[in-house]
Amino acid sequence: MVKIDLNADLGEGGSADAELMTLVTSVNIACGFHAGDAQTMLASVRSAIKNGVAIGAHPSFPDRENFGRTAMDLPPKTVYAQTLYQIGALEAIVRSQQGALRHVKPHGMLYNQAANDPALAEAIARAVFDCNPQLILVGLAGSELIRAGQRLGLTTRQEVLPTEAISPTEPWFPVPGPTR
């Protein structure tokens, strides 16, 4: 039987987070670098646990001004440390609420660039593995990020985004034409 995970990015300052939490099966919670802070992370975790929603970390480049949508040329060791830091912060909050962190899905341009950059993908996958090798790494189907996670033995989940296109240098943009 095919299972579909209805996933949403939350804790990013949206006014509909509480309502969305009742509709989804998993969430990616902003970890403070593109949006959110300790208070929104805690509130999002509590809401996810209350609603029986799987919790994931949503690390990003340090880019609050542009919501994590600016391309950055950071050394892999820096991306590794930043990703580890963000996952660790959310994991501590989740544990304090007797919950479990299930997955990690990079946000915005970090996600885009990791789809095509093997060194960046390796840094992210290594941070996930070093934080907790039981975490699921979520990425674009067939991407460098998925391959890096698989090489390390991580469980991966490949996603498709039928209404959006991905570019390693540009923000998300709609795919022209009708979507079904």
N, C-alpha and C. Protein backbone atom coordinates (compact mmCIF):
# COMPACT_ATOMS: atom_id res chain seq x y z
N MET A 1 0.83 -1.17 0.00
CA MET A 1 0.00 0.00 0.00
C MET A 1 0.88 1.25 0.00
N VAL A 2 0.56 2.19 -0.85
CA VAL A 2 1.29 3.44 -0.94
C VAL A 2 0.84 4.35 0.20
N LYS A 3 1.82 4.93 0.88
CA LYS A 3 1.52 5.89 1.95
C LYS A 3 2.02 7.26 1.51
N ILE A 4 1.18 8.24 1.68
CA ILE A 4 1.55 9.61 1.35
C ILE A 4 1.66 10.40 2.64
N ASP A 5 2.77 11.09 2.79
CA ASP A 5 3.01 11.94 3.95
C ASP A 5 2.67 13.37 3.54
N LEU A 6 1.64 13.93 4.14
CA LEU A 6 1.28 15.32 3.88
C LEU A 6 2.10 16.18 4.83
N ASN A 7 3.06 16.91 4.27
CA ASN A 7 4.09 17.60 5.03
C ASN A 7 3.98 19.10 4.83
N ALA A 8 4.29 19.86 5.87
CA ALA A 8 4.29 21.32 5.77
C ALA A 8 5.45 21.91 6.56
N ASP A 9 5.90 23.07 6.11
CA ASP A 9 6.92 23.83 6.82
C ASP A 9 6.20 24.76 7.79
N LEU A 10 6.51 24.63 9.08
CA LEU A 10 5.84 25.44 10.09
C LEU A 10 6.86 26.09 11.02
N GLY A 11 6.35 26.94 11.91
CA GLY A 11 7.23 27.66 12.82
C GLY A 11 7.99 28.77 12.13
N GLU A 12 7.44 29.22 10.99
CA GLU A 12 8.10 30.26 10.21
C GLU A 12 7.38 31.61 10.32
N GLY A 13 6.47 31.71 11.28
CA GLY A 13 5.77 32.97 11.49
C GLY A 13 4.43 33.05 10.80
N GLY A 14 3.95 31.95 10.23
CA GLY A 14 2.65 31.96 9.57
C GLY A 14 1.51 31.98 10.57
N SER A 15 0.43 32.63 10.20
CA SER A 15 -0.71 32.75 11.12
C SER A 15 -1.59 31.51 11.13
N ALA A 16 -1.41 30.61 10.18
CA ALA A 16 -2.28 29.43 10.09
C ALA A 16 -1.62 28.16 10.61
N ASP A 17 -0.51 28.28 11.34
CA ASP A 17 0.21 27.10 11.81
C ASP A 17 -0.68 26.15 12.61
N ALA A 18 -1.47 26.67 13.52
CA ALA A 18 -2.31 25.80 14.37
C ALA A 18 -3.32 25.03 13.54
N GLU A 19 -3.92 25.68 12.56
CA GLU A 19 -4.89 25.01 11.70
C GLU A 19 -4.21 23.97 10.81
N LEU A 20 -3.07 24.33 10.24
CA LEU A 20 -2.34 23.40 9.39
C LEU A 20 -1.92 22.15 10.15
N MET A 21 -1.56 22.33 11.41
CA MET A 21 -1.09 21.21 12.22
C MET A 21 -2.15 20.12 12.34
N THR A 22 -3.41 20.46 12.19
CA THR A 22 -4.49 19.46 12.27
C THR A 22 -4.70 18.74 10.95
N LEU A 23 -4.06 19.19 9.88
CA LEU A 23 -4.28 18.63 8.55
C LEU A 23 -3.13 17.79 8.02
N VAL A 24 -1.95 17.92 8.61
CA VAL A 24 -0.76 17.28 8.06
C VAL A 24 -0.35 16.06 8.88
N THR A 25 0.51 15.24 8.28
CA THR A 25 1.04 14.07 8.99
C THR A 25 2.45 14.31 9.51
N SER A 26 3.14 15.30 8.94
CA SER A 26 4.48 15.65 9.42
C SER A 26 4.75 17.12 9.16
N VAL A 27 5.66 17.67 9.98
CA VAL A 27 6.04 19.07 9.83
C VAL A 27 7.55 19.22 9.86
N ASN A 28 8.01 20.26 9.18
CA ASN A 28 9.41 20.67 9.22
C ASN A 28 9.42 21.99 9.98
N ILE A 29 10.04 22.00 11.15
CA ILE A 29 10.01 23.17 12.01
C ILE A 29 11.27 24.01 11.81
N ALA A 30 11.06 25.28 11.48
CA ALA A 30 12.17 26.22 11.30
C ALA A 30 13.03 26.25 12.55
N CYS A 31 14.34 26.26 12.35
CA CYS A 31 15.30 26.14 13.46
C CYS A 31 16.04 27.44 13.77
N GLY A 32 15.51 28.58 13.34
CA GLY A 32 16.05 29.86 13.75
C GLY A 32 16.96 30.57 12.77
N PHE A 33 17.46 29.91 11.75
CA PHE A 33 18.39 30.58 10.85
C PHE A 33 17.68 31.36 9.74
N HIS A 34 16.54 30.87 9.25
CA HIS A 34 15.76 31.61 8.25
C HIS A 34 14.49 32.19 8.84
N ALA A 35 13.98 31.56 9.88
CA ALA A 35 12.76 31.99 10.56
C ALA A 35 12.68 31.25 11.89
N GLY A 36 11.79 31.73 12.74
CA GLY A 36 11.57 31.07 14.01
C GLY A 36 12.63 31.42 15.04
N ASP A 37 12.35 31.00 16.26
CA ASP A 37 13.27 31.19 17.37
C ASP A 37 12.91 30.14 18.43
N ALA A 38 13.54 30.22 19.57
CA ALA A 38 13.30 29.21 20.61
C ALA A 38 11.83 29.13 21.00
N GLN A 39 11.15 30.26 21.06
CA GLN A 39 9.74 30.28 21.46
C GLN A 39 8.85 29.63 20.40
N THR A 40 9.07 29.98 19.12
CA THR A 40 8.24 29.38 18.07
C THR A 40 8.55 27.90 17.90
N MET A 41 9.81 27.53 18.11
CA MET A 41 10.16 26.11 18.03
C MET A 41 9.43 25.33 19.12
N LEU A 42 9.43 25.84 20.34
CA LEU A 42 8.75 25.17 21.44
C LEU A 42 7.25 25.09 21.19
N ALA A 43 6.64 26.17 20.76
CA ALA A 43 5.20 26.17 20.48
C ALA A 43 4.86 25.18 19.37
N SER A 44 5.67 25.15 18.32
CA SER A 44 5.42 24.23 17.20
C SER A 44 5.57 22.78 17.64
N VAL A 45 6.57 22.49 18.44
CA VAL A 45 6.78 21.13 18.94
C VAL A 45 5.59 20.70 19.79
N ARG A 46 5.15 21.56 20.69
CA ARG A 46 4.01 21.22 21.54
C ARG A 46 2.76 20.95 20.70
N SER A 47 2.53 21.77 19.70
CA SER A 47 1.37 21.59 18.83
C SER A 47 1.48 20.29 18.03
N ALA A 48 2.66 19.98 17.53
CA ALA A 48 2.85 18.74 16.77
C ALA A 48 2.59 17.53 17.66
N ILE A 49 3.11 17.53 18.86
CA ILE A 49 2.90 16.41 19.78
C ILE A 49 1.42 16.27 20.11
N LYS A 50 0.77 17.38 20.39
CA LYS A 50 -0.66 17.38 20.71
C LYS A 50 -1.50 16.78 19.57
N ASN A 51 -1.09 17.05 18.32
CA ASN A 51 -1.84 16.59 17.16
C ASN A 51 -1.33 15.28 16.57
N GLY A 52 -0.33 14.66 17.20
CA GLY A 52 0.19 13.39 16.71
C GLY A 52 0.90 13.51 15.38
N VAL A 53 1.56 14.63 15.16
CA VAL A 53 2.23 14.92 13.89
C VAL A 53 3.73 14.65 14.05
N ALA A 54 4.33 13.96 13.07
CA ALA A 54 5.77 13.68 13.10
C ALA A 54 6.55 14.99 12.96
N ILE A 55 7.63 15.08 13.73
CA ILE A 55 8.40 16.32 13.82
C ILE A 55 9.72 16.19 13.07
N GLY A 56 10.00 17.21 12.25
CA GLY A 56 11.27 17.28 11.54
C GLY A 56 11.93 18.62 11.72
N ALA A 57 13.25 18.62 11.64
CA ALA A 57 14.03 19.86 11.69
C ALA A 57 14.13 20.43 10.28
N HIS A 58 14.10 21.77 10.20
CA HIS A 58 14.14 22.47 8.92
C HIS A 58 15.30 23.48 8.92
N PRO A 59 16.54 22.95 8.88
CA PRO A 59 17.70 23.84 8.92
C PRO A 59 17.86 24.61 7.61
N SER A 60 18.54 25.74 7.70
CA SER A 60 18.72 26.57 6.51
C SER A 60 20.04 27.32 6.58
N PHE A 61 20.31 28.05 5.51
CA PHE A 61 21.41 29.00 5.54
C PHE A 61 21.05 30.11 6.53
N PRO A 62 22.05 30.80 7.09
CA PRO A 62 21.77 31.92 8.00
C PRO A 62 21.33 33.15 7.18
N ASP A 63 20.04 33.25 6.93
CA ASP A 63 19.52 34.27 6.02
C ASP A 63 18.11 34.67 6.41
N ARG A 64 17.97 35.30 7.57
CA ARG A 64 16.65 35.74 8.02
C ARG A 64 16.09 36.84 7.12
N GLU A 65 16.96 37.70 6.62
CA GLU A 65 16.51 38.83 5.80
C GLU A 65 15.78 38.37 4.55
N ASN A 66 16.23 37.29 3.94
CA ASN A 66 15.62 36.80 2.69
C ASN A 66 14.97 35.43 2.86
N PHE A 67 14.65 35.07 4.11
CA PHE A 67 13.91 33.85 4.41
C PHE A 67 14.62 32.59 3.91
N GLY A 68 15.95 32.61 3.95
CA GLY A 68 16.71 31.42 3.55
C GLY A 68 16.73 31.16 2.06
N ARG A 69 16.43 32.17 1.28
CA ARG A 69 16.33 31.98 -0.17
C ARG A 69 17.50 32.58 -0.95
N THR A 70 18.54 32.97 -0.24
CA THR A 70 19.73 33.53 -0.89
C THR A 70 20.77 32.43 -1.07
N ALA A 71 21.29 32.31 -2.30
CA ALA A 71 22.36 31.35 -2.55
C ALA A 71 23.60 31.79 -1.78
N MET A 72 24.28 30.81 -1.17
CA MET A 72 25.49 31.11 -0.41
C MET A 72 26.58 30.12 -0.79
N ASP A 73 27.80 30.62 -0.77
CA ASP A 73 28.96 29.79 -1.08
C ASP A 73 29.77 29.60 0.21
N LEU A 74 29.24 28.77 1.09
CA LEU A 74 29.88 28.52 2.38
C LEU A 74 30.70 27.24 2.31
N PRO A 75 31.81 27.17 3.04
CA PRO A 75 32.58 25.93 3.08
C PRO A 75 31.73 24.80 3.66
N PRO A 76 31.89 23.58 3.16
CA PRO A 76 31.13 22.45 3.70
C PRO A 76 31.26 22.30 5.22
N LYS A 77 32.46 22.58 5.78
CA LYS A 77 32.61 22.44 7.23
C LYS A 77 31.73 23.44 7.98
N THR A 78 31.50 24.60 7.40
CA THR A 78 30.60 25.60 8.01
C THR A 78 29.16 25.12 7.93
N VAL A 79 28.76 24.61 6.78
CA VAL A 79 27.40 24.10 6.61
C VAL A 79 27.17 22.91 7.54
N TYR A 80 28.16 22.05 7.69
CA TYR A 80 28.06 20.93 8.63
C TYR A 80 27.77 21.45 10.04
N ALA A 81 28.57 22.40 10.51
CA ALA A 81 28.41 22.92 11.87
C ALA A 81 27.07 23.62 12.05
N GLN A 82 26.67 24.42 11.07
CA GLN A 82 25.39 25.12 11.17
C GLN A 82 24.21 24.15 11.17
N THR A 83 24.29 23.12 10.36
CA THR A 83 23.21 22.14 10.30
C THR A 83 23.14 21.35 11.60
N LEU A 84 24.28 20.92 12.10
CA LEU A 84 24.33 20.19 13.37
C LEU A 84 23.76 21.05 14.50
N TYR A 85 24.11 22.31 14.53
CA TYR A 85 23.63 23.25 15.55
C TYR A 85 22.10 23.35 15.51
N GLN A 86 21.54 23.52 14.32
CA GLN A 86 20.10 23.70 14.19
C GLN A 86 19.33 22.43 14.57
N ILE A 87 19.81 21.28 14.10
CA ILE A 87 19.16 20.02 14.45
C ILE A 87 19.23 19.82 15.96
N GLY A 88 20.40 20.06 16.54
CA GLY A 88 20.58 19.87 17.97
C GLY A 88 19.66 20.74 18.80
N ALA A 89 19.47 21.98 18.37
CA ALA A 89 18.58 22.89 19.11
C ALA A 89 17.15 22.36 19.10
N LEU A 90 16.67 21.96 17.93
CA LEU A 90 15.30 21.46 17.87
C LEU A 90 15.17 20.13 18.60
N GLU A 91 16.17 19.26 18.44
CA GLU A 91 16.10 17.96 19.11
C GLU A 91 16.02 18.12 20.63
N ALA A 92 16.74 19.07 21.19
CA ALA A 92 16.68 19.31 22.64
C ALA A 92 15.28 19.75 23.06
N ILE A 93 14.67 20.62 22.27
CA ILE A 93 13.31 21.07 22.58
C ILE A 93 12.33 19.92 22.47
N VAL A 94 12.45 19.12 21.43
CA VAL A 94 11.55 17.97 21.24
C VAL A 94 11.67 17.00 22.42
N ARG A 95 12.90 16.68 22.79
CA ARG A 95 13.11 15.76 23.93
C ARG A 95 12.55 16.31 25.23
N SER A 96 12.68 17.62 25.43
CA SER A 96 12.18 18.23 26.67
C SER A 96 10.66 18.11 26.79
N GLN A 97 10.01 17.88 25.66
CA GLN A 97 8.55 17.74 25.64
C GLN A 97 8.13 16.27 25.50
N GLN A 98 9.07 15.36 25.71
CA GLN A 98 8.84 13.92 25.61
C GLN A 98 8.40 13.51 24.20
N GLY A 99 8.93 14.18 23.21
CA GLY A 99 8.65 13.83 21.83
C GLY A 99 9.87 13.20 21.19
N ALA A 100 9.76 12.94 19.89
CA ALA A 100 10.86 12.36 19.14
C ALA A 100 11.03 13.11 17.82
N LEU A 101 12.26 13.47 17.52
CA LEU A 101 12.57 14.06 16.23
C LEU A 101 12.65 12.93 15.22
N ARG A 102 11.94 13.05 14.10
CA ARG A 102 11.88 11.96 13.13
C ARG A 102 12.72 12.21 11.89
N HIS A 103 12.75 13.44 11.41
CA HIS A 103 13.41 13.67 10.12
C HIS A 103 14.05 15.05 10.06
N VAL A 104 14.83 15.25 8.99
CA VAL A 104 15.46 16.54 8.70
C VAL A 104 15.24 16.83 7.23
N LYS A 105 14.74 18.03 6.95
CA LYS A 105 14.57 18.49 5.57
C LYS A 105 15.14 19.90 5.47
N PRO A 106 16.23 20.08 4.73
CA PRO A 106 16.77 21.42 4.56
C PRO A 106 15.74 22.37 3.94
N HIS A 107 15.92 23.65 4.22
CA HIS A 107 14.99 24.69 3.75
C HIS A 107 15.58 25.51 2.61
N GLY A 108 14.72 25.97 1.74
CA GLY A 108 15.04 27.00 0.76
C GLY A 108 16.26 26.73 -0.09
N MET A 109 17.15 27.71 -0.11
CA MET A 109 18.32 27.61 -0.98
C MET A 109 19.30 26.53 -0.51
N LEU A 110 19.32 26.22 0.78
CA LEU A 110 20.15 25.11 1.25
C LEU A 110 19.67 23.81 0.60
N TYR A 111 18.36 23.62 0.55
CA TYR A 111 17.76 22.46 -0.10
C TYR A 111 18.11 22.45 -1.59
N ASN A 112 17.91 23.61 -2.24
CA ASN A 112 18.18 23.71 -3.68
C ASN A 112 19.63 23.39 -4.01
N GLN A 113 20.55 24.03 -3.31
CA GLN A 113 21.97 23.84 -3.61
C GLN A 113 22.43 22.42 -3.28
N ALA A 114 21.90 21.84 -2.20
CA ALA A 114 22.29 20.48 -1.83
C ALA A 114 21.78 19.45 -2.82
N ALA A 115 20.78 19.81 -3.60
CA ALA A 115 20.26 18.89 -4.61
C ALA A 115 21.30 18.64 -5.71
N ASN A 116 22.19 19.62 -5.92
CA ASN A 116 23.14 19.53 -7.03
C ASN A 116 24.61 19.59 -6.64
N ASP A 117 24.91 19.89 -5.39
CA ASP A 117 26.29 20.08 -4.94
C ASP A 117 26.70 18.92 -4.03
N PRO A 118 27.53 17.99 -4.53
CA PRO A 118 27.88 16.82 -3.72
C PRO A 118 28.56 17.15 -2.39
N ALA A 119 29.43 18.15 -2.35
CA ALA A 119 30.13 18.49 -1.10
C ALA A 119 29.16 19.07 -0.07
N LEU A 120 28.26 19.92 -0.52
CA LEU A 120 27.26 20.49 0.38
C LEU A 120 26.31 19.40 0.88
N ALA A 121 25.89 18.54 -0.04
CA ALA A 121 25.00 17.43 0.33
C ALA A 121 25.67 16.53 1.36
N GLU A 122 26.94 16.24 1.17
CA GLU A 122 27.68 15.40 2.12
C GLU A 122 27.76 16.05 3.49
N ALA A 123 27.98 17.36 3.54
CA ALA A 123 28.07 18.07 4.82
C ALA A 123 26.75 17.98 5.58
N ILE A 124 25.65 18.15 4.88
CA ILE A 124 24.33 18.08 5.52
C ILE A 124 24.04 16.66 5.99
N ALA A 125 24.25 15.69 5.10
CA ALA A 125 23.99 14.28 5.47
C ALA A 125 24.86 13.85 6.64
N ARG A 126 26.11 14.28 6.67
CA ARG A 126 27.01 13.93 7.77
C ARG A 126 26.52 14.56 9.08
N ALA A 127 26.03 15.79 9.03
CA ALA A 127 25.50 16.43 10.24
C ALA A 127 24.29 15.67 10.77
N VAL A 128 23.42 15.25 9.87
CA VAL A 128 22.24 14.46 10.28
C VAL A 128 22.70 13.16 10.92
N PHE A 129 23.60 12.46 10.25
CA PHE A 129 24.10 11.18 10.76
C PHE A 129 24.78 11.34 12.11
N ASP A 130 25.63 12.35 12.24
CA ASP A 130 26.37 12.55 13.49
C ASP A 130 25.45 12.97 14.64
N CYS A 131 24.38 13.66 14.32
CA CYS A 131 23.42 14.04 15.36
C CYS A 131 22.62 12.83 15.82
N ASN A 132 22.12 12.05 14.84
CA ASN A 132 21.33 10.86 15.16
C ASN A 132 21.16 10.03 13.89
N PRO A 133 21.86 8.92 13.77
CA PRO A 133 21.79 8.13 12.54
C PRO A 133 20.42 7.50 12.29
N GLN A 134 19.50 7.62 13.24
CA GLN A 134 18.15 7.10 13.05
C GLN A 134 17.23 8.12 12.38
N LEU A 135 17.68 9.35 12.25
CA LEU A 135 16.86 10.38 11.61
C LEU A 135 16.71 10.08 10.12
N ILE A 136 15.57 10.44 9.58
CA ILE A 136 15.30 10.30 8.15
C ILE A 136 15.73 11.61 7.47
N LEU A 137 16.44 11.49 6.36
CA LEU A 137 16.86 12.66 5.59
C LEU A 137 15.91 12.81 4.41
N VAL A 138 15.25 13.96 4.32
CA VAL A 138 14.28 14.23 3.26
C VAL A 138 14.93 15.15 2.23
N GLY A 139 14.78 14.79 0.96
CA GLY A 139 15.33 15.62 -0.10
C GLY A 139 14.65 15.38 -1.42
N LEU A 140 15.03 16.15 -2.40
CA LEU A 140 14.48 16.04 -3.74
C LEU A 140 14.83 14.68 -4.34
N ALA A 141 13.86 14.04 -4.94
CA ALA A 141 14.06 12.72 -5.54
C ALA A 141 15.25 12.74 -6.50
N GLY A 142 16.14 11.76 -6.34
CA GLY A 142 17.29 11.61 -7.22
C GLY A 142 18.40 12.63 -7.03
N SER A 143 18.35 13.38 -5.95
CA SER A 143 19.31 14.47 -5.75
C SER A 143 20.62 14.00 -5.12
N GLU A 144 21.60 14.88 -5.16
CA GLU A 144 22.87 14.62 -4.48
C GLU A 144 22.65 14.44 -2.98
N LEU A 145 21.70 15.16 -2.40
CA LEU A 145 21.43 15.03 -0.97
C LEU A 145 20.95 13.62 -0.64
N ILE A 146 20.07 13.09 -1.44
CA ILE A 146 19.58 11.72 -1.21
C ILE A 146 20.74 10.73 -1.36
N ARG A 147 21.55 10.90 -2.39
CA ARG A 147 22.69 9.99 -2.59
C ARG A 147 23.67 10.06 -1.42
N ALA A 148 23.93 11.26 -0.92
CA ALA A 148 24.85 11.41 0.22
C ALA A 148 24.30 10.71 1.45
N GLY A 149 23.02 10.87 1.71
CA GLY A 149 22.40 10.20 2.85
C GLY A 149 22.46 8.69 2.72
N GLN A 150 22.20 8.19 1.54
CA GLN A 150 22.24 6.74 1.31
C GLN A 150 23.65 6.19 1.49
N ARG A 151 24.66 6.93 1.04
CA ARG A 151 26.04 6.47 1.22
C ARG A 151 26.40 6.33 2.69
N LEU A 152 25.82 7.17 3.54
CA LEU A 152 26.09 7.10 4.98
C LEU A 152 25.21 6.09 5.70
N GLY A 153 24.26 5.51 4.99
CA GLY A 153 23.37 4.54 5.61
C GLY A 153 22.14 5.14 6.26
N LEU A 154 21.88 6.42 5.99
CA LEU A 154 20.67 7.05 6.52
C LEU A 154 19.44 6.54 5.77
N THR A 155 18.33 6.50 6.45
CA THR A 155 17.06 6.29 5.78
C THR A 155 16.73 7.60 5.08
N THR A 156 16.34 7.52 3.83
CA THR A 156 16.01 8.73 3.08
C THR A 156 14.57 8.67 2.60
N ARG A 157 13.99 9.84 2.42
CA ARG A 157 12.67 9.97 1.82
C ARG A 157 12.82 10.96 0.68
N GLN A 158 12.46 10.48 -0.50
CA GLN A 158 12.57 11.31 -1.68
C GLN A 158 11.22 11.95 -1.96
N GLU A 159 11.25 13.26 -2.16
CA GLU A 159 9.99 13.96 -2.40
C GLU A 159 9.96 14.56 -3.79
N VAL A 160 8.76 14.78 -4.25
CA VAL A 160 8.53 15.48 -5.51
C VAL A 160 7.69 16.71 -5.20
N LEU A 161 7.93 17.74 -5.95
CA LEU A 161 7.21 19.00 -5.78
C LEU A 161 6.59 19.36 -7.13
N PRO A 162 5.42 18.82 -7.44
CA PRO A 162 4.87 18.95 -8.79
C PRO A 162 4.49 20.37 -9.20
N THR A 163 4.33 21.28 -8.26
CA THR A 163 3.93 22.64 -8.62
C THR A 163 5.07 23.63 -8.57
N GLU A 164 6.28 23.15 -8.31
CA GLU A 164 7.41 24.07 -8.21
C GLU A 164 8.62 23.51 -8.94
N ALA A 165 9.49 24.39 -9.33
CA ALA A 165 10.75 23.99 -9.96
C ALA A 165 11.89 24.39 -9.03
N ILE A 166 13.02 23.74 -9.20
CA ILE A 166 14.15 23.98 -8.31
C ILE A 166 15.35 24.42 -9.13
N SER A 167 16.02 25.41 -8.62
CA SER A 167 17.25 25.90 -9.23
C SER A 167 18.28 26.05 -8.13
N PRO A 168 19.54 25.69 -8.39
CA PRO A 168 20.56 25.84 -7.36
C PRO A 168 20.92 27.30 -7.07
N THR A 169 20.45 28.24 -7.90
CA THR A 169 20.81 29.64 -7.70
C THR A 169 19.62 30.58 -7.55
N GLU A 170 18.43 30.12 -7.83
CA GLU A 170 17.24 30.97 -7.77
C GLU A 170 16.27 30.46 -6.72
N PRO A 171 15.45 31.36 -6.16
CA PRO A 171 14.41 30.91 -5.23
C PRO A 171 13.40 30.02 -5.93
N TRP A 172 12.54 29.40 -5.12
CA TRP A 172 11.47 28.57 -5.68
C TRP A 172 10.67 29.39 -6.66
N PHE A 173 10.20 28.76 -7.71
CA PHE A 173 9.32 29.47 -8.62
C PHE A 173 8.32 28.47 -9.18
N PRO A 174 7.08 28.96 -9.49
CA PRO A 174 6.05 28.04 -10.00
C PRO A 174 6.43 27.50 -11.36
N VAL A 175 6.03 26.27 -11.62
CA VAL A 175 6.21 25.68 -12.93
C VAL A 175 5.12 26.24 -13.83
N PRO A 176 5.47 26.73 -15.03
CA PRO A 176 4.43 27.27 -15.91
C PRO A 176 3.45 26.18 -16.33
N GLY A 177 2.24 26.59 -16.59
CA GLY A 177 1.23 25.66 -17.09
C GLY A 177 0.40 25.06 -15.98
N PRO A 178 -0.61 24.30 -16.37
CA PRO A 178 -1.52 23.71 -15.36
C PRO A 178 -0.83 22.61 -14.57
N THR A 179 -1.26 22.45 -13.34
CA THR A 179 -0.78 21.35 -12.51
C THR A 179 -1.96 20.45 -12.20
N ARG A 180 -1.67 19.18 -12.01
CA ARG A 180 -2.75 18.23 -11.73
C ARG A 180 -2.48 17.53 -10.46
